[in-house]
Amino acid sequence: MGEHNEFGKKGEELAVEHLVKSGYHIIHRNYRYLKAEIDVIAQKDEVLAIVEVKSRKSDFWQHIAEIITEKKIKLLVKAANQYVISRNLDIEVRFDVIIVLGENGNYEIDHIENAFYHF
């Protein structure tokens, strides 16, 4: 596995740790539907969080619209709809982004709830 993939996996692990510490229950990781992949599906209270994780080695900050394209959002929505329908869930669904910045054991985590409403 390439260094980029390893760094991405580390970012996902850190994001999951953050979610658990914040009171979320991890329901599913790397859920795939057609061409979409949801990094993390987590629940806190009566909210199902569909979480996209982005990892960056530097402190270079990009606007959320530059990180997650409209096409990616559409794929995430389709996958989330399929997940909810296939499990017959009646729950509020929210789309979050967790950005992990840093390297060499020094990481900063930014959890943006309702991320797609921020741009």
Protein backbone atom coordinates (compact mmCIF):
# COMPACT_ATOMS: atom_id res chain seq x y z
CA MET A 1 0.00 0.00 0.00
CA GLY A 2 1.32 3.43 -0.95
CA GLU A 3 2.32 6.11 1.55
CA HIS A 4 -0.72 8.19 0.52
CA ASN A 5 -3.08 5.30 1.31
CA GLU A 6 -1.37 4.62 4.64
CA PHE A 7 -1.71 8.28 5.60
CA GLY A 8 -5.39 8.19 4.65
CA LYS A 9 -5.94 5.11 6.80
CA LYS A 10 -4.21 6.85 9.72
CA GLY A 11 -6.47 9.85 9.22
CA GLU A 12 -9.56 7.62 9.29
CA GLU A 13 -8.37 5.94 12.48
CA LEU A 14 -7.87 9.33 14.14
CA ALA A 15 -11.29 10.49 12.94
CA VAL A 16 -12.95 7.38 14.39
CA GLU A 17 -11.15 7.90 17.71
CA HIS A 18 -12.37 11.50 17.73
CA LEU A 19 -15.96 10.43 17.05
CA VAL A 20 -15.91 7.79 19.80
CA LYS A 21 -14.46 10.28 22.30
CA SER A 22 -17.22 12.70 21.29
CA GLY A 23 -19.94 10.17 22.13
CA TYR A 24 -20.64 8.67 18.72
CA HIS A 25 -21.25 4.97 18.13
CA ILE A 26 -19.50 3.74 14.98
CA ILE A 27 -22.02 1.85 12.87
CA HIS A 28 -20.07 1.16 9.68
CA ARG A 29 -16.73 1.98 8.08
CA ASN A 30 -15.96 2.16 4.37
CA TYR A 31 -19.56 1.51 3.28
CA ARG A 32 -19.69 1.10 -0.48
CA TYR A 33 -22.63 1.57 -2.82
CA LEU A 34 -22.06 1.67 -6.57
CA LYS A 35 -19.20 4.16 -7.11
CA ALA A 36 -19.55 5.78 -3.70
CA GLU A 37 -17.76 5.09 -0.45
CA ILE A 38 -18.78 6.52 2.89
CA ASP A 39 -15.74 6.61 5.16
CA VAL A 40 -17.65 6.41 8.45
CA ILE A 41 -21.28 6.04 9.44
CA ALA A 42 -21.77 6.96 13.08
CA GLN A 43 -24.68 7.65 15.37
CA LYS A 44 -25.06 10.03 18.27
CA ASP A 45 -28.45 10.27 19.91
CA GLU A 46 -31.04 10.37 17.12
CA VAL A 47 -28.67 11.55 14.38
CA LEU A 48 -26.94 9.37 11.82
CA ALA A 49 -23.72 11.09 10.73
CA ILE A 50 -22.36 10.31 7.29
CA VAL A 51 -18.71 11.27 7.68
CA GLU A 52 -16.20 12.03 4.95
CA VAL A 53 -12.62 12.05 6.22
CA LYS A 54 -9.92 14.12 4.54
CA SER A 55 -6.29 13.93 5.65
CA ARG A 56 -3.62 16.50 4.85
CA LYS A 57 0.03 16.51 5.90
CA SER A 58 0.46 20.26 5.98
CA ASP A 59 -1.47 23.04 7.60
CA PHE A 60 -2.55 24.23 4.16
CA TRP A 61 -6.24 24.85 4.56
CA GLN A 62 -8.62 24.44 1.63
CA HIS A 63 -12.22 25.56 1.54
CA ILE A 64 -14.61 22.63 1.97
CA ALA A 65 -15.92 23.18 -1.59
CA GLU A 66 -12.41 22.56 -2.91
CA ILE A 67 -11.99 19.38 -0.91
CA ILE A 68 -15.33 17.74 -1.66
CA THR A 69 -16.76 18.27 -5.12
CA GLU A 70 -20.42 18.47 -6.05
CA LYS A 71 -20.05 15.08 -7.76
CA LYS A 72 -18.67 13.55 -4.54
CA ILE A 73 -21.56 15.03 -2.56
CA LYS A 74 -24.10 13.50 -4.96
CA LEU A 75 -22.42 10.09 -4.60
CA LEU A 76 -22.41 10.37 -0.81
CA VAL A 77 -26.11 11.30 -0.79
CA LYS A 78 -26.98 8.30 -3.00
CA ALA A 79 -24.99 5.95 -0.79
CA ALA A 80 -26.51 7.39 2.39
CA ASN A 81 -30.02 7.06 0.94
CA GLN A 82 -29.34 3.44 0.02
CA TYR A 83 -27.98 2.73 3.50
CA VAL A 84 -31.01 4.24 5.25
CA ILE A 85 -33.58 2.65 2.92
CA SER A 86 -31.97 -0.81 2.95
CA ARG A 87 -32.06 -0.82 6.76
CA ASN A 88 -35.51 0.76 7.00
CA LEU A 89 -34.18 3.49 9.30
CA ASP A 90 -36.27 6.42 10.49
CA ILE A 91 -33.56 8.79 11.65
CA GLU A 92 -32.19 12.25 10.96
CA VAL A 93 -29.22 12.08 8.60
CA ARG A 94 -26.42 14.63 8.68
CA PHE A 95 -23.32 14.94 6.46
CA ASP A 96 -20.11 15.76 8.34
CA VAL A 97 -16.51 16.21 7.28
CA ILE A 98 -13.54 15.50 9.51
CA ILE A 99 -10.27 17.03 8.39
CA VAL A 100 -7.09 15.61 9.88
CA LEU A 101 -4.04 17.86 9.53
CA GLY A 102 -0.49 17.01 10.49
CA GLU A 103 2.06 14.23 10.51
CA ASN A 104 4.57 12.38 12.69
CA GLY A 105 2.20 12.04 15.63
CA ASN A 106 1.25 15.71 15.71
CA TYR A 107 -2.32 15.95 14.41
CA GLU A 108 -5.13 18.47 14.52
CA ILE A 109 -8.71 17.36 13.94
CA ASP A 110 -11.47 19.62 12.68
CA HIS A 111 -14.98 18.11 12.80
CA ILE A 112 -17.42 20.08 10.66
CA GLU A 113 -21.02 19.08 11.33
CA ASN A 114 -23.56 19.69 8.53
CA ALA A 115 -20.55 20.40 6.33
CA PHE A 116 -22.40 20.69 3.06
CA TYR A 117 -24.40 23.64 4.40
CA HIS A 118 -21.22 25.63 5.07
CA PHE A 119 -20.51 26.56 1.47
